[in-house]
């Protein structure tokens, strides 16, 4: 009987939609201005090529860093407000200095 419950649990967990939120801190630098778009294209490509499981979605959330020392503030915002799981950035030291 317990193995039936375990099987039921594993089946329900495997079909639930899961979202991994990627927090991205982007410096205001025109050379890498398209970095956020590239991350979104990569996430879509992983889905199209069936590298990600069908129930898994990557959501990229980009915020500014390296301006007025807002990197730490926006990292906290990504964590507490957007519930980000993975973080990229900031691309400078000024964004993490308090």
N, C-alpha and C. Protein backbone atom coordinates (compact mmCIF):
# COMPACT_ATOMS: atom_id res chain seq x y z
N UNK A 1 0.82 -1.20 0.00
CA UNK A 1 0.00 0.00 0.00
C UNK A 1 0.86 1.26 0.00
N UNK A 2 1.95 1.26 0.78
CA UNK A 2 2.80 2.45 0.83
C UNK A 2 3.48 2.69 -0.51
N UNK A 3 3.82 1.64 -1.23
CA UNK A 3 4.44 1.83 -2.54
C UNK A 3 3.46 2.46 -3.53
N UNK A 4 2.17 2.19 -3.37
CA UNK A 4 1.16 2.82 -4.22
C UNK A 4 1.11 4.32 -3.95
N UNK A 5 1.20 4.72 -2.68
CA UNK A 5 1.20 6.15 -2.34
C UNK A 5 2.46 6.83 -2.87
N UNK A 6 3.58 6.15 -2.78
CA UNK A 6 4.83 6.71 -3.30
C UNK A 6 4.73 6.90 -4.81
N UNK A 7 4.19 5.93 -5.50
CA UNK A 7 4.01 6.03 -6.95
C UNK A 7 3.07 7.18 -7.29
N UNK A 8 1.98 7.32 -6.55
CA UNK A 8 1.04 8.41 -6.77
C UNK A 8 1.71 9.77 -6.55
N UNK A 9 2.49 9.87 -5.48
CA UNK A 9 3.18 11.12 -5.18
C UNK A 9 4.18 11.48 -6.28
N UNK A 10 4.98 10.52 -6.70
CA UNK A 10 5.97 10.78 -7.74
C UNK A 10 5.31 11.16 -9.06
N UNK A 11 4.18 10.56 -9.36
CA UNK A 11 3.45 10.91 -10.58
C UNK A 11 2.92 12.33 -10.50
N UNK A 12 2.36 12.70 -9.37
CA UNK A 12 1.80 14.06 -9.25
C UNK A 12 2.89 15.12 -9.26
N UNK A 13 4.04 14.83 -8.66
CA UNK A 13 5.14 15.78 -8.64
C UNK A 13 5.72 15.95 -10.05
N UNK A 14 5.80 14.87 -10.80
CA UNK A 14 6.42 14.94 -12.12
C UNK A 14 5.57 15.67 -13.14
N UNK A 15 4.25 15.80 -12.92
CA UNK A 15 3.41 16.49 -13.89
C UNK A 15 3.10 17.93 -13.48
N UNK A 16 3.51 18.34 -12.29
CA UNK A 16 3.27 19.71 -11.86
C UNK A 16 4.18 20.67 -12.62
N UNK A 17 3.62 21.80 -13.00
CA UNK A 17 4.40 22.84 -13.67
C UNK A 17 5.37 23.46 -12.67
N UNK A 18 6.63 23.52 -13.02
CA UNK A 18 7.64 24.11 -12.16
C UNK A 18 8.30 25.26 -12.90
N UNK A 19 8.48 26.37 -12.20
CA UNK A 19 9.10 27.56 -12.79
C UNK A 19 10.38 27.86 -12.03
N UNK A 20 11.47 27.96 -12.77
CA UNK A 20 12.74 28.39 -12.19
C UNK A 20 12.93 29.83 -12.63
N UNK A 21 12.98 30.73 -11.65
CA UNK A 21 13.14 32.15 -11.95
C UNK A 21 14.62 32.51 -11.92
N UNK A 22 15.09 33.05 -13.02
CA UNK A 22 16.49 33.43 -13.17
C UNK A 22 16.61 34.93 -12.97
N UNK A 23 17.26 35.35 -11.90
CA UNK A 23 17.49 36.76 -11.64
C UNK A 23 18.74 37.23 -12.37
N UNK A 24 18.60 38.28 -13.15
CA UNK A 24 19.69 38.76 -13.99
C UNK A 24 19.92 40.24 -13.72
N UNK A 25 21.10 40.57 -13.21
CA UNK A 25 21.47 41.96 -12.95
C UNK A 25 22.33 42.45 -14.10
N UNK A 26 21.81 43.41 -14.85
CA UNK A 26 22.45 43.87 -16.08
C UNK A 26 23.01 45.27 -15.92
N UNK A 27 24.31 45.46 -16.16
CA UNK A 27 24.87 46.81 -16.12
C UNK A 27 24.35 47.64 -17.30
N UNK A 28 24.30 48.94 -17.12
CA UNK A 28 23.88 49.84 -18.20
C UNK A 28 25.07 50.04 -19.13
N UNK A 29 25.34 49.03 -19.94
CA UNK A 29 26.48 49.03 -20.85
C UNK A 29 25.97 48.68 -22.24
N UNK A 30 26.10 49.59 -23.21
CA UNK A 30 25.55 49.32 -24.54
C UNK A 30 26.16 48.11 -25.23
N UNK A 31 27.37 47.72 -24.83
CA UNK A 31 28.02 46.56 -25.45
C UNK A 31 27.25 45.28 -25.14
N UNK A 32 26.67 45.19 -23.95
CA UNK A 32 25.94 43.97 -23.57
C UNK A 32 24.45 44.25 -23.36
N UNK A 33 23.94 45.23 -24.06
CA UNK A 33 22.53 45.63 -23.88
C UNK A 33 21.56 44.51 -24.24
N UNK A 34 21.95 43.60 -25.12
CA UNK A 34 21.06 42.52 -25.55
C UNK A 34 21.21 41.24 -24.73
N UNK A 35 21.96 41.30 -23.65
CA UNK A 35 22.22 40.11 -22.84
C UNK A 35 20.93 39.49 -22.30
N UNK A 36 19.99 40.31 -21.86
CA UNK A 36 18.73 39.80 -21.33
C UNK A 36 17.95 39.05 -22.41
N UNK A 37 17.94 39.59 -23.63
CA UNK A 37 17.25 38.92 -24.74
C UNK A 37 17.91 37.60 -25.08
N UNK A 38 19.24 37.55 -25.02
CA UNK A 38 19.96 36.31 -25.31
C UNK A 38 19.62 35.24 -24.28
N UNK A 39 19.54 35.61 -23.01
CA UNK A 39 19.16 34.64 -21.97
C UNK A 39 17.77 34.07 -22.23
N UNK A 40 16.84 34.92 -22.64
CA UNK A 40 15.48 34.46 -22.93
C UNK A 40 15.46 33.55 -24.16
N UNK A 41 16.26 33.88 -25.17
CA UNK A 41 16.35 33.03 -26.36
C UNK A 41 16.93 31.67 -25.98
N UNK A 42 17.94 31.65 -25.12
CA UNK A 42 18.53 30.39 -24.67
C UNK A 42 17.52 29.54 -23.91
N UNK A 43 16.74 30.17 -23.04
CA UNK A 43 15.72 29.44 -22.29
C UNK A 43 14.69 28.83 -23.24
N UNK A 44 14.27 29.59 -24.24
CA UNK A 44 13.31 29.06 -25.22
C UNK A 44 13.92 27.94 -26.05
N UNK A 45 15.21 28.07 -26.39
CA UNK A 45 15.89 27.04 -27.17
C UNK A 45 15.98 25.73 -26.39
N UNK A 46 16.25 25.82 -25.10
CA UNK A 46 16.29 24.61 -24.27
C UNK A 46 14.95 23.88 -24.28
N UNK A 47 13.88 24.63 -24.30
CA UNK A 47 12.54 24.03 -24.35
C UNK A 47 12.28 23.41 -25.72
N UNK A 48 12.59 24.14 -26.80
CA UNK A 48 12.33 23.66 -28.16
C UNK A 48 13.10 22.38 -28.48
N UNK A 49 14.34 22.29 -27.96
CA UNK A 49 15.17 21.11 -28.24
C UNK A 49 14.92 19.98 -27.25
N UNK A 50 13.91 20.14 -26.39
CA UNK A 50 13.52 19.13 -25.40
C UNK A 50 14.65 18.78 -24.43
N UNK A 51 15.49 19.76 -24.14
CA UNK A 51 16.53 19.57 -23.13
C UNK A 51 15.92 19.74 -21.74
N UNK A 52 15.00 20.69 -21.61
CA UNK A 52 14.26 20.86 -20.36
C UNK A 52 13.08 19.91 -20.34
N UNK A 53 12.73 19.39 -19.19
CA UNK A 53 11.50 18.60 -19.11
C UNK A 53 10.30 19.47 -19.48
N UNK A 54 9.25 18.88 -20.04
CA UNK A 54 8.10 19.67 -20.49
C UNK A 54 7.40 20.45 -19.38
N UNK A 55 7.54 20.02 -18.15
CA UNK A 55 6.86 20.71 -17.05
C UNK A 55 7.74 21.77 -16.38
N UNK A 56 8.91 22.06 -16.96
CA UNK A 56 9.84 23.01 -16.37
C UNK A 56 9.96 24.24 -17.26
N UNK A 57 9.84 25.42 -16.64
CA UNK A 57 9.93 26.68 -17.37
C UNK A 57 11.00 27.55 -16.73
N UNK A 58 11.83 28.17 -17.57
CA UNK A 58 12.80 29.15 -17.09
C UNK A 58 12.24 30.54 -17.36
N UNK A 59 12.13 31.33 -16.31
CA UNK A 59 11.64 32.71 -16.43
C UNK A 59 12.78 33.65 -16.09
N UNK A 60 13.22 34.45 -17.05
CA UNK A 60 14.34 35.37 -16.86
C UNK A 60 13.80 36.74 -16.46
N UNK A 61 14.27 37.24 -15.31
CA UNK A 61 13.86 38.55 -14.80
C UNK A 61 15.11 39.42 -14.72
N UNK A 62 15.14 40.48 -15.51
CA UNK A 62 16.32 41.34 -15.59
C UNK A 62 16.07 42.66 -14.87
N UNK A 63 17.06 43.06 -14.09
CA UNK A 63 17.03 44.35 -13.42
C UNK A 63 18.38 45.02 -13.60
N UNK A 64 18.39 46.32 -13.42
CA UNK A 64 19.60 47.11 -13.62
C UNK A 64 20.56 46.97 -12.44
N UNK A 65 21.85 47.06 -12.75
CA UNK A 65 22.86 47.11 -11.70
C UNK A 65 23.96 48.07 -12.15
N UNK A 66 24.92 48.30 -11.31
CA UNK A 66 26.09 49.13 -11.62
C UNK A 66 25.75 50.60 -11.81
N UNK A 67 24.67 51.05 -11.25
CA UNK A 67 24.30 52.46 -11.33
C UNK A 67 23.78 52.88 -9.95
N UNK A 68 24.39 53.87 -9.38
CA UNK A 68 23.98 54.38 -8.06
C UNK A 68 23.97 53.28 -7.00
N UNK A 69 24.88 52.33 -7.11
CA UNK A 69 25.04 51.26 -6.12
C UNK A 69 23.74 50.47 -5.89
N UNK A 70 23.00 50.19 -6.95
CA UNK A 70 21.72 49.50 -6.80
C UNK A 70 21.78 48.00 -7.02
N UNK A 71 22.97 47.42 -7.21
CA UNK A 71 23.08 45.98 -7.44
C UNK A 71 22.58 45.15 -6.27
N UNK A 72 22.98 45.50 -5.06
CA UNK A 72 22.54 44.76 -3.88
C UNK A 72 21.04 44.92 -3.67
N UNK A 73 20.56 46.13 -3.84
CA UNK A 73 19.12 46.39 -3.68
C UNK A 73 18.30 45.56 -4.67
N UNK A 74 18.72 45.55 -5.93
CA UNK A 74 17.96 44.81 -6.93
C UNK A 74 18.12 43.30 -6.77
N UNK A 75 19.27 42.84 -6.27
CA UNK A 75 19.42 41.42 -5.98
C UNK A 75 18.44 41.00 -4.88
N UNK A 76 18.31 41.83 -3.85
CA UNK A 76 17.34 41.54 -2.79
C UNK A 76 15.92 41.57 -3.33
N UNK A 77 15.64 42.52 -4.21
CA UNK A 77 14.31 42.62 -4.83
C UNK A 77 14.01 41.36 -5.65
N UNK A 78 15.01 40.89 -6.41
CA UNK A 78 14.81 39.65 -7.19
C UNK A 78 14.53 38.47 -6.26
N UNK A 79 15.22 38.44 -5.13
CA UNK A 79 15.06 37.32 -4.19
C UNK A 79 13.71 37.37 -3.47
N UNK A 80 13.39 38.51 -2.88
CA UNK A 80 12.21 38.59 -2.03
C UNK A 80 10.91 38.85 -2.79
N UNK A 81 10.95 39.62 -3.85
CA UNK A 81 9.73 39.95 -4.58
C UNK A 81 9.46 38.96 -5.72
N UNK A 82 10.50 38.64 -6.48
CA UNK A 82 10.32 37.76 -7.64
C UNK A 82 10.62 36.30 -7.33
N UNK A 83 11.14 35.99 -6.15
CA UNK A 83 11.44 34.63 -5.73
C UNK A 83 12.41 33.94 -6.71
N UNK A 84 13.46 34.67 -7.10
CA UNK A 84 14.45 34.12 -8.03
C UNK A 84 15.22 32.99 -7.38
N UNK A 85 15.57 32.00 -8.19
CA UNK A 85 16.30 30.83 -7.72
C UNK A 85 17.77 30.90 -8.11
N UNK A 86 18.04 31.43 -9.29
CA UNK A 86 19.38 31.52 -9.85
C UNK A 86 19.67 32.99 -10.14
N UNK A 87 20.94 33.39 -9.94
CA UNK A 87 21.30 34.79 -10.17
C UNK A 87 22.50 34.90 -11.10
N UNK A 88 22.46 35.86 -12.02
CA UNK A 88 23.60 36.23 -12.85
C UNK A 88 23.86 37.71 -12.63
N UNK A 89 25.11 38.07 -12.35
CA UNK A 89 25.46 39.47 -12.19
C UNK A 89 25.71 39.82 -10.74
N UNK A 90 26.01 41.05 -10.47
CA UNK A 90 26.16 42.17 -11.40
C UNK A 90 27.48 42.07 -12.16
N UNK A 91 27.56 42.78 -13.24
CA UNK A 91 28.74 42.75 -14.09
C UNK A 91 29.77 43.79 -13.71
N UNK A 92 29.75 44.26 -12.47
CA UNK A 92 30.71 45.27 -12.02
C UNK A 92 30.85 45.20 -10.51
N UNK A 93 31.88 45.82 -9.98
CA UNK A 93 32.06 45.87 -8.53
C UNK A 93 31.18 46.92 -7.88
N UNK A 94 30.86 47.99 -8.62
CA UNK A 94 30.06 49.07 -8.04
C UNK A 94 28.66 48.59 -7.66
N UNK A 95 28.16 47.57 -8.33
CA UNK A 95 26.82 47.08 -8.06
C UNK A 95 26.70 46.31 -6.76
N UNK A 96 27.84 45.87 -6.20
CA UNK A 96 27.77 45.10 -4.96
C UNK A 96 28.39 45.82 -3.77
N UNK A 97 28.90 47.00 -3.99
CA UNK A 97 29.52 47.78 -2.92
C UNK A 97 28.46 48.58 -2.18
N UNK A 98 28.54 48.54 -0.87
CA UNK A 98 27.59 49.32 -0.06
C UNK A 98 28.33 50.49 0.55
